[in-house]
C-alpha atoms as a PDB file:
ATOM      1  CA  MET A   1       4.225  25.634 -23.447  1.00  0.00           C
ATOM      2  CA  PRO A   2       3.275  22.522 -25.489  1.00  0.00           C
ATOM      3  CA  ASP A   3       0.787  23.010 -28.301  1.00  0.00           C
ATOM      4  CA  GLU A   4      -1.811  20.774 -26.603  1.00  0.00           C
ATOM      5  CA  LEU A   5      -1.805  22.927 -23.456  1.00  0.00           C
ATOM      6  CA  ARG A   6      -1.930  26.178 -25.451  1.00  0.00           C
ATOM      7  CA  ASP A   7      -4.921  24.858 -27.436  1.00  0.00           C
ATOM      8  CA  LEU A   8      -6.677  23.815 -24.218  1.00  0.00           C
ATOM      9  CA  ALA A   9      -6.138  27.229 -22.644  1.00  0.00           C
ATOM     10  CA  THR A  10      -7.492  28.958 -25.757  1.00  0.00           C
ATOM     11  CA  VAL A  11     -10.594  26.770 -25.919  1.00  0.00           C
ATOM     12  CA  ALA A  12     -11.269  26.983 -22.187  1.00  0.00           C
ATOM     13  CA  ALA A  13     -11.720  30.734 -22.478  1.00  0.00           C
ATOM     14  CA  GLY A  14     -14.744  30.331 -24.799  1.00  0.00           C
ATOM     15  CA  CYS A  15     -16.145  27.065 -23.472  1.00  0.00           C
ATOM     16  CA  THR A  16     -19.148  25.743 -25.409  1.00  0.00           C
ATOM     17  CA  THR A  17     -20.467  22.225 -25.898  1.00  0.00           C
ATOM     18  CA  GLN A  18     -18.812  21.986 -29.292  1.00  0.00           C
ATOM     19  CA  SER A  19     -15.478  23.147 -27.890  1.00  0.00           C
ATOM     20  CA  ARG A  20     -15.703  20.597 -25.045  1.00  0.00           C
ATOM     21  CA  VAL A  21     -16.136  17.788 -27.568  1.00  0.00           C
ATOM     22  CA  TRP A  22     -13.116  19.107 -29.428  1.00  0.00           C
ATOM     23  CA  GLN A  23     -11.028  19.428 -26.279  1.00  0.00           C
ATOM     24  CA  TRP A  24     -11.400  15.928 -24.709  1.00  0.00           C
ATOM     25  CA  PRO A  25      -9.042  14.125 -27.092  1.00  0.00           C
ATOM     26  CA  ARG A  26      -6.419  16.744 -26.326  1.00  0.00           C
ATOM     27  CA  VAL A  27      -6.972  16.421 -22.569  1.00  0.00           C
ATOM     28  CA  ASN A  28      -6.464  12.667 -22.906  1.00  0.00           C
ATOM     29  CA  ALA A  29      -3.272  13.291 -24.893  1.00  0.00           C
ATOM     30  CA  VAL A  30      -1.889  15.579 -22.182  1.00  0.00           C
ATOM     31  CA  VAL A  31      -2.821  13.118 -19.408  1.00  0.00           C
ATOM     32  CA  GLY A  32      -1.195  10.319 -21.395  1.00  0.00           C
ATOM     33  CA  VAL A  33       2.025  12.317 -21.760  1.00  0.00           C
ATOM     34  CA  LEU A  34       2.074  13.056 -18.031  1.00  0.00           C
ATOM     35  CA  ARG A  35       1.336   9.444 -17.135  1.00  0.00           C
ATOM     36  CA  ARG A  36       4.048   8.099 -19.435  1.00  0.00           C
ATOM     37  CA  GLY A  37       6.515  10.552 -17.986  1.00  0.00           C
ATOM     38  CA  LEU A  38       5.738   9.801 -14.349  1.00  0.00           C
ATOM     39  CA  ALA A  39       4.875   6.125 -14.337  1.00  0.00           C
ATOM     40  CA  PHE A  40       6.285   4.680 -17.567  1.00  0.00           C
ATOM     41  CA  ALA A  41       2.809   3.186 -18.067  1.00  0.00           C
ATOM     42  CA  ASN A  42       2.560   3.140 -21.846  1.00  0.00           C
ATOM     43  CA  VAL A  43       5.741   1.500 -23.015  1.00  0.00           C
ATOM     44  CA  GLY A  44       3.996  -1.320 -24.874  1.00  0.00           C
ATOM     45  CA  LEU A  45       4.495  -4.188 -22.417  1.00  0.00           C
ATOM     46  CA  ALA A  46       1.605  -6.479 -21.527  1.00  0.00           C
ATOM     47  CA  GLN A  47       3.290  -7.900 -18.417  1.00  0.00           C
ATOM     48  CA  ALA A  48       6.803  -7.444 -17.114  1.00  0.00           C
ATOM     49  CA  HIS A  49       7.120 -11.012 -15.681  1.00  0.00           C
ATOM     50  CA  ASN A  50       8.642  -9.526 -12.551  1.00  0.00           C
ATOM     51  CA  ALA A  51       6.606  -8.084  -9.687  1.00  0.00           C
ATOM     52  CA  TYR A  52       9.018  -5.215  -9.156  1.00  0.00           C
ATOM     53  CA  LEU A  53       9.163  -4.173 -12.813  1.00  0.00           C
ATOM     54  CA  GLU A  54       5.379  -4.554 -13.008  1.00  0.00           C
ATOM     55  CA  THR A  55       5.035  -2.176 -10.059  1.00  0.00           C
ATOM     56  CA  VAL A  56       7.364   0.324 -11.744  1.00  0.00           C
ATOM     57  CA  LEU A  57       5.245   0.118 -14.901  1.00  0.00           C
ATOM     58  CA  ASP A  58       1.993   0.538 -12.950  1.00  0.00           C
ATOM     59  CA  MET A  59       2.996   3.050 -10.265  1.00  0.00           C
ATOM     60  CA  GLY A  60       6.418   4.385 -11.154  1.00  0.00           C
ATOM     61  CA  ILE A  61       9.592   4.285  -9.118  1.00  0.00           C
ATOM     62  CA  LEU A  62       7.977   6.176  -6.246  1.00  0.00           C
ATOM     63  CA  GLY A  63       5.223   3.554  -6.120  1.00  0.00           C
ATOM     64  CA  LEU A  64       7.796   0.758  -5.940  1.00  0.00           C
ATOM     65  CA  VAL A  65       9.602   2.522  -3.095  1.00  0.00           C
ATOM     66  CA  LEU A  66       6.317   2.992  -1.214  1.00  0.00           C
ATOM     67  CA  MET A  67       5.269  -0.641  -1.750  1.00  0.00           C
ATOM     68  CA  CYS A  68       8.639  -1.949  -0.565  1.00  0.00           C
ATOM     69  CA  SER A  69       8.583   0.304   2.503  1.00  0.00           C
ATOM     70  CA  TYR A  70       5.044  -0.889   3.291  1.00  0.00           C
ATOM     71  CA  PHE A  71       6.125  -4.539   3.079  1.00  0.00           C
ATOM     72  CA  PHE A  72       9.107  -3.751   5.323  1.00  0.00           C
ATOM     73  CA  HIS A  73       6.668  -2.183   7.823  1.00  0.00           C
ATOM     74  CA  VAL A  74       4.461  -5.305   7.660  1.00  0.00           C
ATOM     75  CA  TRP A  75       7.453  -7.618   8.088  1.00  0.00           C
ATOM     76  CA  ASN A  76       8.516  -5.653  11.196  1.00  0.00           C
ATOM     77  CA  GLY A  77       4.970  -5.946  12.560  1.00  0.00           C
ATOM     78  CA  PHE A  78       4.958  -9.711  12.016  1.00  0.00           C
ATOM     79  CA  ARG A  79       8.345 -10.043  13.714  1.00  0.00           C
ATOM     80  CA  ARG A  80       7.290  -7.924  16.706  1.00  0.00           C
ATOM     81  CA  LEU A  81       4.122  -9.956  17.192  1.00  0.00           C
ATOM     82  CA  SER A  82       6.007 -13.241  16.822  1.00  0.00           C
ATOM     83  CA  LEU A  83       8.187 -12.217  19.782  1.00  0.00           C
ATOM     84  CA  GLN A  84       5.311 -10.866  21.920  1.00  0.00           C
ATOM     85  CA  PRO A  85       5.273 -12.889  25.172  1.00  0.00           C
ATOM     86  CA  SER A  86       1.638 -11.999  25.939  1.00  0.00           C
ATOM     87  CA  LEU A  87       0.407 -13.873  22.839  1.00  0.00           C
ATOM     88  CA  SER A  88      -0.255 -17.587  22.846  1.00  0.00           C
ATOM     89  CA  PRO A  89       2.365 -19.834  21.217  1.00  0.00           C
ATOM     90  CA  THR A  90      -0.117 -20.508  18.416  1.00  0.00           C
ATOM     91  CA  PHE A  91      -0.371 -16.837  17.497  1.00  0.00           C
ATOM     92  CA  ARG A  92       3.389 -16.320  17.838  1.00  0.00           C
ATOM     93  CA  GLY A  93       3.957 -19.237  15.457  1.00  0.00           C
ATOM     94  CA  PHE A  94       1.338 -17.837  13.083  1.00  0.00           C
ATOM     95  CA  TYR A  95       3.130 -14.478  12.913  1.00  0.00           C
ATOM     96  CA  GLN A  96       6.526 -16.186  12.481  1.00  0.00           C
ATOM     97  CA  GLY A  97       5.078 -18.117   9.564  1.00  0.00           C
ATOM     98  CA  ALA A  98       3.532 -14.956   8.140  1.00  0.00           C
ATOM     99  CA  ALA A  99       6.917 -13.182   8.294  1.00  0.00           C
ATOM    100  CA  ALA A 100       8.558 -16.117   6.511  1.00  0.00           C
ATOM    101  CA  GLY A 101       5.717 -16.226   3.969  1.00  0.00           C
ATOM    102  CA  LEU A 102       6.129 -12.516   3.268  1.00  0.00           C
ATOM    103  CA  VAL A 103       9.850 -12.976   2.625  1.00  0.00           C
ATOM    104  CA  GLY A 104       9.041 -15.903   0.316  1.00  0.00           C
ATOM    105  CA  PHE A 105       6.441 -13.793  -1.482  1.00  0.00           C
ATOM    106  CA  LEU A 106       8.957 -10.996  -2.046  1.00  0.00           C
ATOM    107  CA  ILE A 107      11.608 -13.421  -3.313  1.00  0.00           C
ATOM    108  CA  ALA A 108       9.078 -15.102  -5.635  1.00  0.00           C
ATOM    109  CA  GLY A 109       8.247 -11.645  -7.008  1.00  0.00           C
ATOM    110  CA  ILE A 110      11.520 -11.764  -8.934  1.00  0.00           C
ATOM    111  CA  ALA A 111      10.038 -14.427 -11.226  1.00  0.00           C
ATOM    112  CA  GLY A 112       6.554 -12.971 -11.625  1.00  0.00           C
ATOM    113  CA  SER A 113       3.258 -12.130  -9.907  1.00  0.00           C
ATOM    114  CA  TYR A 114       2.274  -8.718  -8.492  1.00  0.00           C
ATOM    115  CA  LEU A 115       2.966  -6.764  -5.327  1.00  0.00           C
ATOM    116  CA  THR A 116      -0.611  -5.476  -5.217  1.00  0.00           C
ATOM    117  CA  PRO A 117      -3.400  -7.689  -3.811  1.00  0.00           C
ATOM    118  CA  ARG A 118      -4.454 -10.629  -6.000  1.00  0.00           C
ATOM    119  CA  PRO A 119      -6.716 -13.605  -5.222  1.00  0.00           C
ATOM    120  CA  GLU A 120      -3.763 -16.005  -4.939  1.00  0.00           C
ATOM    121  CA  GLN A 121      -2.316 -13.857  -2.129  1.00  0.00           C
ATOM    122  CA  VAL A 122      -5.417 -13.993   0.071  1.00  0.00           C
ATOM    123  CA  PHE A 123      -3.633 -15.695   2.978  1.00  0.00           C
ATOM    124  CA  LEU A 124      -0.939 -13.040   3.106  1.00  0.00           C
ATOM    125  CA  TRP A 125      -3.479 -10.221   3.158  1.00  0.00           C
ATOM    126  CA  LEU A 126      -5.564 -12.006   5.818  1.00  0.00           C
ATOM    127  CA  ALA A 127      -2.424 -12.289   7.944  1.00  0.00           C
ATOM    128  CA  ILE A 128      -1.768  -8.569   7.452  1.00  0.00           C
ATOM    129  CA  GLY A 129      -5.335  -7.841   8.559  1.00  0.00           C
ATOM    130  CA  MET A 130      -4.875 -10.038  11.632  1.00  0.00           C
ATOM    131  CA  MET A 131      -1.650  -8.201  12.434  1.00  0.00           C
ATOM    132  CA  TYR A 132      -3.411  -4.822  12.375  1.00  0.00           C
ATOM    133  CA  GLY A 133      -6.265  -6.250  14.458  1.00  0.00           C
ATOM    134  CA  GLN A 134      -3.845  -7.617  17.038  1.00  0.00           C
ATOM    135  CA  ILE A 135      -1.996  -4.298  17.235  1.00  0.00           C
ATOM    136  CA  ALA A 136      -5.285  -2.383  17.603  1.00  0.00           C
ATOM    137  CA  ARG A 137      -6.497  -4.802  20.267  1.00  0.00           C
ATOM    138  CA  LYS A 138      -3.274  -4.383  22.219  1.00  0.00           C
ATOM    139  CA  ALA A 139      -3.550  -0.581  21.996  1.00  0.00           C
ATOM    140  CA  ASN A 140      -7.205  -0.729  23.095  1.00  0.00           C
ATOM    141  CA  VAL A 141      -6.368  -2.863  26.144  1.00  0.00           C
ATOM    142  CA  GLN A 142      -3.637  -0.423  27.157  1.00  0.00           C
ATOM    143  CA  ASN A 143      -6.018   2.544  26.793  1.00  0.00           C
ATOM    144  CA  VAL A 144      -8.676   0.809  28.904  1.00  0.00           C
ATOM    145  CA  SER A 145      -6.164  -0.018  31.652  1.00  0.00           C
ATOM    146  CA  ARG A 146      -4.993   3.618  31.705  1.00  0.00           C
ATOM    147  CA  GLN A 147      -8.575   4.808  31.918  1.00  0.00           C
ATOM    148  CA  TYR A 148      -9.213   2.892  35.134  1.00  0.00           C
ATOM    149  CA  ALA A 149      -5.869   3.632  36.761  1.00  0.00           C
ATOM    150  CA  GLN A 150      -6.217   6.176  39.537  1.00  0.00           C
ATOM    151  CA  PRO A 151      -3.012   8.045  40.281  1.00  0.00           C
ATOM    152  CA  ASN A 152      -2.242   9.240  43.828  1.00  0.00           C
ATOM    153  CA  VAL A 153      -4.860   7.083  45.486  1.00  0.00           C
ATOM    154  CA  ASN A 154      -3.666   5.567  48.739  1.00  0.00           C
ATOM    155  CA  ILE A 155      -5.325   2.338  49.806  1.00  0.00           C
ATOM    156  CA  GLN A 156      -5.420   1.942  53.556  1.00  0.00           C
ATOM    157  CA  SER A 157      -5.675  -1.444  55.116  1.00  0.00           C
ATOM    158  CA  ALA A 158      -7.858  -2.020  58.132  1.00  0.00           C
END
């Protein structure tokens, strides 16, 4: 057991105000060690000048994998909506452009920027919001049509 953790366990047993003041710097040291080990956050770099390395520095390798899988999910959503025949040609073109813009954004990430939301990416995130709205609207219309469908009802003509 590291010395910091042993000291914390000893102090926690007889917890007074004075011991709490003594213990916070050690808690911060332990959290810092854990954060450096999991996310490589304190390696002394101000900015990595690459969106992918910046994400590794901020969130760790697991964070990069999750961000990339999320963008793959979004790209698939854009592509599905761009091929949806029930949408107007304007919306299909919008989602085709959003898919192309997302690919451009990910390629440009090699030279800089961030994968997390920033003000300069507002149009991408608005398109993602529209995608989720369109998917929810489609699901809502299907649920409403199922609600009013009456199985096993025979309509007789006069």
